[in-house]
Amino acid sequence: MFHKEKPDYNRNQFSFYTLDQLVSKDHFLRQVDKVIDFEFIYELVEENYSSYNGRPSLDPVLLIKIPLIQCFYGIRSMRQTIKDIEVNTTYRWFLRLTLDDKVPHFTRKNYSRRFQDKQVISEIFSHVLNQALTAELIDSDEIFVDGTHIKAAANNHKYHKEMVEQQAKFMSDQLELEIDLDRKKHAKKSLKPATKSEAREKKISTTAPESGWFHKGEHKEVFAYSAQVACDQHEWALGYTVEAGNVHNSQAFSALFAKIEPFNPAFVIADSGYKTPSIAKFLLDKNITPVFPYTRPRGKKDRLSSKDFVYDEHFDCYLCPEN
C-alpha cells in the first residue's frame, strides 16, 4: 500500500521524552560516562576559581569533556565541535546539557588554558590511569614506545630565525667516560675531547614557538610537534611527552622513560628511531630488555661488519679477516 509521510505534521508534533531515552544504550559515550567518574575534576580545579567574586563560571567538567568529544570523533576544529554539539543529543547528554541549554561559544575553550599551567590535564590522565591500575586492567611487563608528529596550527610563513645550541645526545657524557676508562684499562691514550657542536640557525614559529620545523618527506616542511607515547599490550597509554617536531625520538626518550620507569617493565619495545647503543645500554643497566627492529647495516657495500671479526679470548682482542 502506497504511503506518504506528512513532513509538516510530523515536525510540529509534541512528544514527551527524556534526553536519556534519545541516547542509544550501547553508545560509546554512555560507556565512558559509566566507567569514569568526572567529579574528581572539581577538586583539582577549585583553586583556579574565586568563591566570592566574578560571574558564575562554566562547569569545569564541561570544559574538559568538550575536547574529549573532539578527540574521540576526530573533529578537526573546536568551532566544528561546538556546531556538532548544538544538534547532537548524545553529545548534549554526555555534557549534561538540556535541549534548551545554550552551548558555549567555541572561543570559550580559551578558558581551559588556565588548567594547562596547573598541570590539571596531566593529573586527570594520572587519575584515570590509577583507576585502570586498581581494576588490574594494565599489564606493564611489556611496554611499547613510539613517536608520531602532529602538525602545529601555525602559518609556515610566519617565523623568525635564531641561533640555537644543539642538544646533546642521550647519555653522551657517560659513554665518553666509559670509553676513556676502557682505553686506560688497555694502556691506551685518552681520546681528545670532542669539539663542541656549533650553534645552528633554526626557524622559530611566531604563532607556535614550542613547535619545531619538521621535514615531512622530500618536499614537505611544516611546523610540528613530536608526541612520544608508551602503552602496554592492551593499548593502555601509560605515559606521554610532547616535544618540538625537530627533536629526534632518541633525544626525547629520557623524559618519556622517567614516566614509565615506576611501572617496572621487563621489556621495552620500540621502533628504529630509538635504536641507539646508548638507549640499549641504559635499559640493560636497569635490567630491562630492549627490543628493537632489525635494520640493515649502513655504509659502503663491501665494508666489513662486526660479525666478520673473530674475538680472541687469550689476547682479549678481535682478529681482522684481512689480517
C-alpha atoms as a PDB file:
ATOM      1  CA  MET A   1       0.000   0.000   0.000  1.00  0.00           C
ATOM      2  CA  PHE A   2       1.372   3.367  -1.021  1.00  0.00           C
ATOM      3  CA  HIS A   3       2.206   5.622   1.885  1.00  0.00           C
ATOM      4  CA  LYS A   4       3.407   9.200   2.062  1.00  0.00           C
ATOM      5  CA  GLU A   5       4.666  10.905   5.216  1.00  0.00           C
ATOM      6  CA  LYS A   6       3.347  14.255   6.291  1.00  0.00           C
ATOM      7  CA  PRO A   7       6.559  16.202   6.943  1.00  0.00           C
ATOM      8  CA  ASP A   8       4.942  19.361   8.287  1.00  0.00           C
ATOM      9  CA  TYR A   9       2.615  17.347  10.502  1.00  0.00           C
ATOM     10  CA  ASN A  10       5.443  15.230  11.930  1.00  0.00           C
ATOM     11  CA  ARG A  11       7.737  18.185  12.505  1.00  0.00           C
ATOM     12  CA  ASN A  12       5.145  20.038  14.556  1.00  0.00           C
ATOM     13  CA  GLN A  13       4.264  17.146  16.848  1.00  0.00           C
ATOM     14  CA  PHE A  14       4.732  17.440  20.611  1.00  0.00           C
ATOM     15  CA  SER A  15       6.160  14.434  22.437  1.00  0.00           C
ATOM     16  CA  PHE A  16       7.439  13.804  25.943  1.00  0.00           C
ATOM     17  CA  TYR A  17      10.876  12.231  26.140  1.00  0.00           C
ATOM     18  CA  THR A  18      13.787  12.340  28.500  1.00  0.00           C
ATOM     19  CA  LEU A  19      17.179  13.089  26.998  1.00  0.00           C
ATOM     20  CA  ASP A  20      18.375   9.740  28.289  1.00  0.00           C
ATOM     21  CA  GLN A  21      15.793   7.939  26.133  1.00  0.00           C
ATOM     22  CA  LEU A  22      17.274   9.516  22.997  1.00  0.00           C
ATOM     23  CA  VAL A  23      20.733   8.053  23.637  1.00  0.00           C
ATOM     24  CA  SER A  24      21.483   4.542  22.410  1.00  0.00           C
ATOM     25  CA  LYS A  25      22.060   2.076  25.248  1.00  0.00           C
ATOM     26  CA  ASP A  26      25.315   0.834  23.711  1.00  0.00           C
ATOM     27  CA  HIS A  27      26.671   4.234  22.666  1.00  0.00           C
ATOM     28  CA  PHE A  28      30.378   4.785  23.290  1.00  0.00           C
ATOM     29  CA  LEU A  29      29.850   7.987  25.285  1.00  0.00           C
ATOM     30  CA  ARG A  30      27.405   6.167  27.545  1.00  0.00           C
ATOM     31  CA  GLN A  31      30.124   3.601  28.265  1.00  0.00           C
ATOM     32  CA  VAL A  32      32.647   6.362  29.003  1.00  0.00           C
ATOM     33  CA  ASP A  33      30.205   8.059  31.352  1.00  0.00           C
ATOM     34  CA  LYS A  34      29.591   4.769  33.134  1.00  0.00           C
ATOM     35  CA  VAL A  35      33.207   3.837  33.857  1.00  0.00           C
ATOM     36  CA  ILE A  36      34.713   7.291  34.516  1.00  0.00           C
ATOM     37  CA  ASP A  37      33.567   9.479  37.385  1.00  0.00           C
ATOM     38  CA  PHE A  38      34.471  13.039  36.396  1.00  0.00           C
ATOM     39  CA  GLU A  39      33.569  14.506  39.803  1.00  0.00           C
ATOM     40  CA  PHE A  40      37.231  14.494  40.904  1.00  0.00           C
ATOM     41  CA  ILE A  41      37.923  17.314  38.418  1.00  0.00           C
ATOM     42  CA  TYR A  42      36.110  19.843  40.614  1.00  0.00           C
ATOM     43  CA  GLU A  43      38.608  19.344  43.425  1.00  0.00           C
ATOM     44  CA  LEU A  44      41.568  19.641  41.037  1.00  0.00           C
ATOM     45  CA  VAL A  45      40.494  22.990  39.568  1.00  0.00           C
ATOM     46  CA  GLU A  46      38.834  24.573  42.596  1.00  0.00           C
ATOM     47  CA  GLU A  47      41.873  26.727  43.407  1.00  0.00           C
ATOM     48  CA  ASN A  48      41.690  28.326  39.949  1.00  0.00           C
ATOM     49  CA  TYR A  49      38.352  29.954  40.728  1.00  0.00           C
ATOM     50  CA  SER A  50      37.193  32.568  43.206  1.00  0.00           C
ATOM     51  CA  SER A  51      34.443  31.575  45.642  1.00  0.00           C
ATOM     52  CA  TYR A  52      33.173  35.134  46.099  1.00  0.00           C
ATOM     53  CA  ASN A  53      33.985  37.374  43.140  1.00  0.00           C
ATOM     54  CA  GLY A  54      33.081  37.351  39.467  1.00  0.00           C
ATOM     55  CA  ARG A  55      30.276  35.891  37.422  1.00  0.00           C
ATOM     56  CA  PRO A  56      29.406  32.176  37.602  1.00  0.00           C
ATOM     57  CA  SER A  57      31.868  30.157  35.557  1.00  0.00           C
ATOM     58  CA  LEU A  58      31.242  27.452  33.040  1.00  0.00           C
ATOM     59  CA  ASP A  59      31.234  23.982  34.534  1.00  0.00           C
ATOM     60  CA  PRO A  60      34.917  22.835  34.652  1.00  0.00           C
ATOM     61  CA  VAL A  61      33.892  19.286  33.750  1.00  0.00           C
ATOM     62  CA  LEU A  62      32.146  20.684  30.677  1.00  0.00           C
ATOM     63  CA  LEU A  63      35.406  22.359  29.590  1.00  0.00           C
ATOM     64  CA  ILE A  64      37.217  19.036  29.894  1.00  0.00           C
ATOM     65  CA  LYS A  65      34.545  16.939  28.182  1.00  0.00           C
ATOM     66  CA  ILE A  66      34.240  19.135  25.068  1.00  0.00           C
ATOM     67  CA  PRO A  67      37.864  18.497  23.950  1.00  0.00           C
ATOM     68  CA  LEU A  68      37.282  14.804  24.712  1.00  0.00           C
ATOM     69  CA  ILE A  69      34.410  14.727  22.214  1.00  0.00           C
ATOM     70  CA  GLN A  70      36.642  16.425  19.655  1.00  0.00           C
ATOM     71  CA  CYS A  71      39.351  13.818  20.272  1.00  0.00           C
ATOM     72  CA  PHE A  72      37.039  10.777  20.315  1.00  0.00           C
ATOM     73  CA  TYR A  73      35.425  11.599  16.980  1.00  0.00           C
ATOM     74  CA  GLY A  74      38.341  13.239  15.170  1.00  0.00           C
ATOM     75  CA  ILE A  75      36.648  16.605  14.705  1.00  0.00           C
ATOM     76  CA  ARG A  76      39.181  18.938  13.126  1.00  0.00           C
ATOM     77  CA  SER A  77      38.351  22.198  14.904  1.00  0.00           C
ATOM     78  CA  MET A  78      36.728  23.453  18.089  1.00  0.00           C
ATOM     79  CA  ARG A  79      34.364  25.586  16.003  1.00  0.00           C
ATOM     80  CA  GLN A  80      33.014  22.462  14.257  1.00  0.00           C
ATOM     81  CA  THR A  81      32.885  20.590  17.565  1.00  0.00           C
ATOM     82  CA  ILE A  82      30.575  23.224  19.056  1.00  0.00           C
ATOM     83  CA  LYS A  83      28.353  23.130  15.950  1.00  0.00           C
ATOM     84  CA  ASP A  84      28.044  19.343  16.253  1.00  0.00           C
ATOM     85  CA  ILE A  85      27.186  19.574  19.956  1.00  0.00           C
ATOM     86  CA  GLU A  86      24.349  22.005  19.187  1.00  0.00           C
ATOM     87  CA  VAL A  87      22.497  19.416  17.072  1.00  0.00           C
ATOM     88  CA  ASN A  88      23.664  16.127  18.621  1.00  0.00           C
ATOM     89  CA  THR A  89      21.516  14.922  21.515  1.00  0.00           C
ATOM     90  CA  THR A  90      24.084  12.322  22.594  1.00  0.00           C
ATOM     91  CA  TYR A  91      26.780  14.960  22.924  1.00  0.00           C
ATOM     92  CA  ARG A  92      24.399  17.113  24.980  1.00  0.00           C
ATOM     93  CA  TRP A  93      23.598  14.145  27.219  1.00  0.00           C
ATOM     94  CA  PHE A  94      27.308  13.480  27.796  1.00  0.00           C
ATOM     95  CA  LEU A  95      27.874  17.162  28.668  1.00  0.00           C
ATOM     96  CA  ARG A  96      24.812  17.244  30.956  1.00  0.00           C
ATOM     97  CA  LEU A  97      23.152  19.903  28.803  1.00  0.00           C
ATOM     98  CA  THR A  98      19.432  20.006  28.127  1.00  0.00           C
ATOM     99  CA  LEU A  99      17.978  20.647  24.681  1.00  0.00           C
ATOM    100  CA  ASP A 100      17.283  24.224  25.799  1.00  0.00           C
ATOM    101  CA  ASP A 101      20.741  24.941  27.220  1.00  0.00           C
ATOM    102  CA  LYS A 102      22.968  27.169  25.155  1.00  0.00           C
ATOM    103  CA  VAL A 103      26.230  25.557  24.064  1.00  0.00           C
ATOM    104  CA  PRO A 104      29.329  27.608  25.000  1.00  0.00           C
ATOM    105  CA  HIS A 105      30.893  29.620  22.196  1.00  0.00           C
ATOM    106  CA  PHE A 106      33.881  27.896  20.611  1.00  0.00           C
ATOM    107  CA  THR A 107      36.225  30.649  21.845  1.00  0.00           C
ATOM    108  CA  ARG A 108      35.266  29.755  25.413  1.00  0.00           C
ATOM    109  CA  LYS A 109      37.743  26.900  25.158  1.00  0.00           C
ATOM    110  CA  ASN A 110      40.361  29.561  25.881  1.00  0.00           C
ATOM    111  CA  TYR A 111      39.176  29.494  29.474  1.00  0.00           C
ATOM    112  CA  SER A 112      40.520  25.970  29.803  1.00  0.00           C
ATOM    113  CA  ARG A 113      44.048  27.243  29.145  1.00  0.00           C
ATOM    114  CA  ARG A 114      44.263  28.206  32.804  1.00  0.00           C
ATOM    115  CA  PHE A 115      44.311  24.476  33.548  1.00  0.00           C
ATOM    116  CA  GLN A 116      47.416  23.858  31.445  1.00  0.00           C
ATOM    117  CA  ASP A 117      49.643  25.950  33.719  1.00  0.00           C
ATOM    118  CA  LYS A 118      48.453  23.951  36.723  1.00  0.00           C
ATOM    119  CA  GLN A 119      49.131  20.560  35.100  1.00  0.00           C
ATOM    120  CA  VAL A 120      45.449  19.688  35.538  1.00  0.00           C
ATOM    121  CA  ILE A 121      45.349  17.712  32.288  1.00  0.00           C
ATOM    122  CA  SER A 122      48.280  15.558  33.454  1.00  0.00           C
ATOM    123  CA  GLU A 123      46.591  14.996  36.814  1.00  0.00           C
ATOM    124  CA  ILE A 124      43.385  13.893  35.095  1.00  0.00           C
ATOM    125  CA  PHE A 125      45.414  11.486  32.951  1.00  0.00           C
ATOM    126  CA  SER A 126      47.110  10.075  36.073  1.00  0.00           C
ATOM    127  CA  HIS A 127      43.808   9.737  37.922  1.00  0.00           C
ATOM    128  CA  VAL A 128      42.191   7.720  35.123  1.00  0.00           C
ATOM    129  CA  LEU A 129      45.354   5.618  34.832  1.00  0.00           C
ATOM    130  CA  ASN A 130      45.234   4.853  38.558  1.00  0.00           C
ATOM    131  CA  GLN A 131      41.645   3.687  38.147  1.00  0.00           C
ATOM    132  CA  ALA A 132      42.791   1.268  35.438  1.00  0.00           C
ATOM    133  CA  LEU A 133      45.644   0.042  37.657  1.00  0.00           C
ATOM    134  CA  THR A 134      43.278  -0.512  40.569  1.00  0.00           C
ATOM    135  CA  ALA A 135      40.993  -2.536  38.302  1.00  0.00           C
ATOM    136  CA  GLU A 136      44.032  -4.617  37.200  1.00  0.00           C
ATOM    137  CA  LEU A 137      43.447  -3.773  33.548  1.00  0.00           C
ATOM    138  CA  ILE A 138      47.092  -2.869  32.861  1.00  0.00           C
ATOM    139  CA  ASP A 139      49.930  -5.314  32.180  1.00  0.00           C
ATOM    140  CA  SER A 140      53.172  -3.342  32.374  1.00  0.00           C
ATOM    141  CA  ASP A 141      55.522  -6.289  31.810  1.00  0.00           C
ATOM    142  CA  GLU A 142      55.900  -5.246  28.163  1.00  0.00           C
ATOM    143  CA  ILE A 143      55.770  -1.557  27.276  1.00  0.00           C
ATOM    144  CA  PHE A 144      55.619  -0.334  23.687  1.00  0.00           C
ATOM    145  CA  VAL A 145      57.111   3.051  22.800  1.00  0.00           C
ATOM    146  CA  ASP A 146      56.513   5.026  19.626  1.00  0.00           C
ATOM    147  CA  GLY A 147      56.569   8.597  18.396  1.00  0.00           C
ATOM    148  CA  THR A 148      54.459  10.496  15.918  1.00  0.00           C
ATOM    149  CA  HIS A 149      54.409  14.007  14.528  1.00  0.00           C
ATOM    150  CA  ILE A 150      51.437  16.330  14.935  1.00  0.00           C
ATOM    151  CA  LYS A 151      51.118  19.326  12.637  1.00  0.00           C
ATOM    152  CA  ALA A 152      51.046  22.592  14.549  1.00  0.00           C
ATOM    153  CA  ALA A 153      48.284  25.125  13.977  1.00  0.00           C
ATOM    154  CA  ALA A 154      50.833  27.613  12.689  1.00  0.00           C
ATOM    155  CA  ASN A 155      51.441  29.521   9.478  1.00  0.00           C
ATOM    156  CA  ASN A 156      54.575  28.129   7.836  1.00  0.00           C
ATOM    157  CA  HIS A 157      55.491  31.591   6.554  1.00  0.00           C
ATOM    158  CA  LYS A 158      55.390  33.376   9.918  1.00  0.00           C
ATOM    159  CA  TYR A 159      58.659  32.752  11.723  1.00  0.00           C
ATOM    160  CA  HIS A 160      61.976  34.259  12.716  1.00  0.00           C
ATOM    161  CA  LYS A 161      65.429  32.711  12.776  1.00  0.00           C
ATOM    162  CA  GLU A 162      67.553  32.148  15.886  1.00  0.00           C
ATOM    163  CA  MET A 163      70.937  30.635  16.617  1.00  0.00           C
ATOM    164  CA  VAL A 164      70.243  27.616  18.867  1.00  0.00           C
ATOM    165  CA  GLU A 165      72.724  25.356  20.659  1.00  0.00           C
ATOM    166  CA  GLN A 166      72.457  21.740  19.519  1.00  0.00           C
ATOM    167  CA  GLN A 167      71.050  19.311  22.064  1.00  0.00           C
ATOM    168  CA  ALA A 168      73.496  16.725  23.413  1.00  0.00           C
ATOM    169  CA  LYS A 169      72.842  13.104  22.509  1.00  0.00           C
ATOM    170  CA  PHE A 170      71.306  10.818  25.114  1.00  0.00           C
ATOM    171  CA  MET A 171      73.936   9.653  27.676  1.00  0.00           C
ATOM    172  CA  SER A 172      76.781  11.024  25.542  1.00  0.00           C
ATOM    173  CA  ASP A 173      78.819  12.187  28.572  1.00  0.00           C
ATOM    174  CA  GLN A 174      78.528   8.804  30.307  1.00  0.00           C
ATOM    175  CA  LEU A 175      79.525   6.924  27.159  1.00  0.00           C
ATOM    176  CA  GLU A 176      82.594   9.102  26.666  1.00  0.00           C
ATOM    177  CA  LEU A 177      83.615   8.461  30.281  1.00  0.00           C
ATOM    178  CA  GLU A 178      83.292   4.683  29.887  1.00  0.00           C
ATOM    179  CA  ILE A 179      85.270   4.763  26.634  1.00  0.00           C
ATOM    180  CA  ASP A 180      88.045   6.668  28.394  1.00  0.00           C
ATOM    181  CA  LEU A 181      88.125   4.168  31.287  1.00  0.00           C
ATOM    182  CA  ASP A 182      88.269   1.239  28.863  1.00  0.00           C
ATOM    183  CA  ARG A 183      91.178   2.804  26.966  1.00  0.00           C
ATOM    184  CA  LYS A 184      93.110   3.368  30.186  1.00  0.00           C
ATOM    185  CA  LYS A 185      92.456  -0.243  31.172  1.00  0.00           C
ATOM    186  CA  HIS A 186      94.119  -1.368  27.943  1.00  0.00           C
ATOM    187  CA  ALA A 187      97.025   1.097  28.352  1.00  0.00           C
ATOM    188  CA  LYS A 188      95.813   3.364  25.568  1.00  0.00           C
ATOM    189  CA  LYS A 189      95.879   7.123  25.411  1.00  0.00           C
ATOM    190  CA  SER A 190      92.704   9.030  26.091  1.00  0.00           C
ATOM    191  CA  LEU A 191      90.919  10.425  23.100  1.00  0.00           C
ATOM    192  CA  LYS A 192      90.896  14.136  22.508  1.00  0.00           C
ATOM    193  CA  PRO A 193      87.860  15.912  23.950  1.00  0.00           C
ATOM    194  CA  ALA A 194      85.046  16.118  21.458  1.00  0.00           C
ATOM    195  CA  THR A 195      84.663  19.517  19.905  1.00  0.00           C
ATOM    196  CA  LYS A 196      81.539  21.305  20.977  1.00  0.00           C
ATOM    197  CA  SER A 197      78.931  21.466  18.269  1.00  0.00           C
ATOM    198  CA  GLU A 198      78.391  24.934  16.916  1.00  0.00           C
ATOM    199  CA  ALA A 199      75.073  26.696  17.252  1.00  0.00           C
ATOM    200  CA  ARG A 200      72.783  26.245  14.283  1.00  0.00           C
ATOM    201  CA  GLU A 201      70.259  28.578  12.764  1.00  0.00           C
ATOM    202  CA  LYS A 202      66.699  27.365  13.268  1.00  0.00           C
ATOM    203  CA  LYS A 203      63.258  28.618  12.329  1.00  0.00           C
ATOM    204  CA  ILE A 204      61.083  29.623  15.292  1.00  0.00           C
ATOM    205  CA  SER A 205      57.352  29.975  14.665  1.00  0.00           C
ATOM    206  CA  THR A 206      55.830  33.248  15.855  1.00  0.00           C
ATOM    207  CA  THR A 207      52.415  31.639  16.468  1.00  0.00           C
ATOM    208  CA  ALA A 208      53.585  28.290  17.917  1.00  0.00           C
ATOM    209  CA  PRO A 209      57.102  28.858  19.314  1.00  0.00           C
ATOM    210  CA  GLU A 210      57.153  25.474  21.087  1.00  0.00           C
ATOM    211  CA  SER A 211      56.825  23.619  17.779  1.00  0.00           C
ATOM    212  CA  GLY A 212      59.743  22.719  15.520  1.00  0.00           C
ATOM    213  CA  TRP A 213      60.465  22.874  11.787  1.00  0.00           C
ATOM    214  CA  PHE A 214      59.852  19.309  10.613  1.00  0.00           C
ATOM    215  CA  HIS A 215      60.904  17.862   7.254  1.00  0.00           C
ATOM    216  CA  LYS A 216      57.988  15.684   6.174  1.00  0.00           C
ATOM    217  CA  GLY A 217      59.313  13.735   3.221  1.00  0.00           C
ATOM    218  CA  GLU A 218      61.390  15.281   0.471  1.00  0.00           C
ATOM    219  CA  HIS A 219      59.176  18.203  -0.478  1.00  0.00           C
ATOM    220  CA  LYS A 220      57.043  18.988   2.582  1.00  0.00           C
ATOM    221  CA  GLU A 221      58.185  21.104   5.527  1.00  0.00           C
ATOM    222  CA  VAL A 222      55.862  22.173   8.354  1.00  0.00           C
ATOM    223  CA  PHE A 223      55.897  23.325  11.956  1.00  0.00           C
ATOM    224  CA  ALA A 224      55.000  20.313  14.084  1.00  0.00           C
ATOM    225  CA  TYR A 225      55.195  18.655  17.485  1.00  0.00           C
ATOM    226  CA  SER A 226      56.725  15.270  18.281  1.00  0.00           C
ATOM    227  CA  ALA A 227      54.495  13.184  20.573  1.00  0.00           C
ATOM    228  CA  GLN A 228      56.069  10.200  22.343  1.00  0.00           C
ATOM    229  CA  VAL A 229      53.615   7.636  23.741  1.00  0.00           C
ATOM    230  CA  ALA A 230      54.145   4.477  25.793  1.00  0.00           C
ATOM    231  CA  CYS A 231      51.434   1.831  26.142  1.00  0.00           C
ATOM    232  CA  ASP A 232      51.001  -1.738  27.342  1.00  0.00           C
ATOM    233  CA  GLN A 233      49.933  -4.712  25.232  1.00  0.00           C
ATOM    234  CA  HIS A 234      46.264  -3.883  25.914  1.00  0.00           C
ATOM    235  CA  GLU A 235      46.743  -0.405  24.389  1.00  0.00           C
ATOM    236  CA  TRP A 236      46.512   1.488  27.673  1.00  0.00           C
ATOM    237  CA  ALA A 237      48.568   4.695  27.399  1.00  0.00           C
ATOM    238  CA  LEU A 238      50.952   4.731  30.366  1.00  0.00           C
ATOM    239  CA  GLY A 239      52.850   7.931  29.642  1.00  0.00           C
ATOM    240  CA  TYR A 240      53.430  10.597  27.044  1.00  0.00           C
ATOM    241  CA  THR A 241      55.617  13.594  26.273  1.00  0.00           C
ATOM    242  CA  VAL A 242      55.381  16.323  23.663  1.00  0.00           C
ATOM    243  CA  GLU A 243      58.500  17.905  22.194  1.00  0.00           C
ATOM    244  CA  ALA A 244      59.265  20.172  19.264  1.00  0.00           C
ATOM    245  CA  GLY A 245      58.911  18.485  15.890  1.00  0.00           C
ATOM    246  CA  ASN A 246      62.647  18.699  15.153  1.00  0.00           C
ATOM    247  CA  VAL A 247      63.639  16.741  18.289  1.00  0.00           C
ATOM    248  CA  HIS A 248      64.689  13.180  17.441  1.00  0.00           C
ATOM    249  CA  ASN A 249      62.946  10.277  19.178  1.00  0.00           C
ATOM    250  CA  SER A 250      66.189   9.138  20.807  1.00  0.00           C
ATOM    251  CA  GLN A 251      66.661  12.575  22.390  1.00  0.00           C
ATOM    252  CA  ALA A 252      63.106  12.604  23.766  1.00  0.00           C
ATOM    253  CA  PHE A 253      63.372   9.099  25.236  1.00  0.00           C
ATOM    254  CA  SER A 254      64.747  10.081  28.665  1.00  0.00           C
ATOM    255  CA  ALA A 255      61.728  12.244  29.556  1.00  0.00           C
ATOM    256  CA  LEU A 256      59.314   9.509  28.468  1.00  0.00           C
ATOM    257  CA  PHE A 257      61.201   6.771  30.315  1.00  0.00           C
ATOM    258  CA  ALA A 258      61.024   8.776  33.554  1.00  0.00           C
ATOM    259  CA  LYS A 259      57.231   8.409  33.375  1.00  0.00           C
ATOM    260  CA  ILE A 260      57.154   4.664  32.652  1.00  0.00           C
ATOM    261  CA  GLU A 261      60.007   3.563  34.935  1.00  0.00           C
ATOM    262  CA  PRO A 262      57.693   3.273  38.009  1.00  0.00           C
ATOM    263  CA  PHE A 263      55.804   0.513  36.155  1.00  0.00           C
ATOM    264  CA  ASN A 264      58.950  -1.702  36.323  1.00  0.00           C
ATOM    265  CA  PRO A 265      58.740  -3.149  32.798  1.00  0.00           C
ATOM    266  CA  ALA A 266      60.700  -6.261  31.845  1.00  0.00           C
ATOM    267  CA  PHE A 267      60.748  -5.385  28.133  1.00  0.00           C
ATOM    268  CA  VAL A 268      60.664  -2.086  26.247  1.00  0.00           C
ATOM    269  CA  ILE A 269      59.679  -2.489  22.589  1.00  0.00           C
ATOM    270  CA  ALA A 270      60.496   0.481  20.365  1.00  0.00           C
ATOM    271  CA  ASP A 271      60.937   1.295  16.687  1.00  0.00           C
ATOM    272  CA  SER A 272      64.191   2.100  14.914  1.00  0.00           C
ATOM    273  CA  GLY A 273      64.049   5.746  15.978  1.00  0.00           C
ATOM    274  CA  TYR A 274      65.081   4.661  19.479  1.00  0.00           C
ATOM    275  CA  LYS A 275      67.636   2.090  18.353  1.00  0.00           C
ATOM    276  CA  THR A 276      70.879   3.599  19.636  1.00  0.00           C
ATOM    277  CA  PRO A 277      73.717   2.000  21.660  1.00  0.00           C
ATOM    278  CA  SER A 278      73.203   4.498  24.477  1.00  0.00           C
ATOM    279  CA  ILE A 279      69.489   3.679  24.923  1.00  0.00           C
ATOM    280  CA  ALA A 280      70.175  -0.063  24.703  1.00  0.00           C
ATOM    281  CA  LYS A 281      72.875   0.126  27.400  1.00  0.00           C
ATOM    282  CA  PHE A 282      70.729   2.416  29.544  1.00  0.00           C
ATOM    283  CA  LEU A 283      67.899  -0.135  29.563  1.00  0.00           C
ATOM    284  CA  LEU A 284      70.176  -3.143  30.096  1.00  0.00           C
ATOM    285  CA  ASP A 285      71.782  -1.443  33.108  1.00  0.00           C
ATOM    286  CA  LYS A 286      68.295  -1.254  34.613  1.00  0.00           C
ATOM    287  CA  ASN A 287      67.650  -4.978  33.919  1.00  0.00           C
ATOM    288  CA  ILE A 288      65.191  -4.107  31.154  1.00  0.00           C
ATOM    289  CA  THR A 289      65.438  -5.972  27.859  1.00  0.00           C
ATOM    290  CA  PRO A 290      65.247  -3.620  24.853  1.00  0.00           C
ATOM    291  CA  VAL A 291      63.511  -4.974  21.748  1.00  0.00           C
ATOM    292  CA  PHE A 292      64.332  -3.141  18.510  1.00  0.00           C
ATOM    293  CA  PRO A 293      63.578  -3.968  14.861  1.00  0.00           C
ATOM    294  CA  TYR A 294      66.288  -5.233  12.545  1.00  0.00           C
ATOM    295  CA  THR A 295      67.918  -2.511  10.467  1.00  0.00           C
ATOM    296  CA  ARG A 296      70.218  -3.080   7.523  1.00  0.00           C
ATOM    297  CA  PRO A 297      73.899  -2.217   8.026  1.00  0.00           C
ATOM    298  CA  ARG A 298      74.779   1.224   6.743  1.00  0.00           C
ATOM    299  CA  GLY A 299      77.892   2.229   4.838  1.00  0.00           C
ATOM    300  CA  LYS A 300      79.717   1.003   1.759  1.00  0.00           C
ATOM    301  CA  LYS A 301      78.633  -2.254   0.159  1.00  0.00           C
ATOM    302  CA  ASP A 302      81.957  -4.108   0.649  1.00  0.00           C
ATOM    303  CA  ARG A 303      82.632  -2.722   4.113  1.00  0.00           C
ATOM    304  CA  LEU A 304      83.406  -5.292   6.827  1.00  0.00           C
ATOM    305  CA  SER A 305      80.802  -5.631   9.561  1.00  0.00           C
ATOM    306  CA  SER A 306      81.291  -6.569  13.215  1.00  0.00           C
ATOM    307  CA  LYS A 307      80.282 -10.193  12.574  1.00  0.00           C
ATOM    308  CA  ASP A 308      83.273 -10.590  10.222  1.00  0.00           C
ATOM    309  CA  PHE A 309      85.709 -10.149  13.119  1.00  0.00           C
ATOM    310  CA  VAL A 310      86.652 -13.039  15.455  1.00  0.00           C
ATOM    311  CA  TYR A 311      87.217 -12.497  19.165  1.00  0.00           C
ATOM    312  CA  ASP A 312      90.445 -13.922  20.643  1.00  0.00           C
ATOM    313  CA  GLU A 313      89.838 -14.655  24.317  1.00  0.00           C
ATOM    314  CA  HIS A 314      93.520 -15.279  25.105  1.00  0.00           C
ATOM    315  CA  PHE A 315      94.766 -11.895  23.899  1.00  0.00           C
ATOM    316  CA  ASP A 316      91.456 -10.125  24.544  1.00  0.00           C
ATOM    317  CA  CYS A 317      91.271  -8.698  21.041  1.00  0.00           C
ATOM    318  CA  TYR A 318      89.450  -9.068  17.746  1.00  0.00           C
ATOM    319  CA  LEU A 319      91.086 -10.624  14.673  1.00  0.00           C
ATOM    320  CA  CYS A 320      90.583  -8.905  11.345  1.00  0.00           C
ATOM    321  CA  PRO A 321      89.702 -11.266   8.465  1.00  0.00           C
ATOM    322  CA  GLU A 322      92.117  -9.323   6.240  1.00  0.00           C
ATOM    323  CA  ASN A 323      94.956  -9.546   8.808  1.00  0.00           C
END
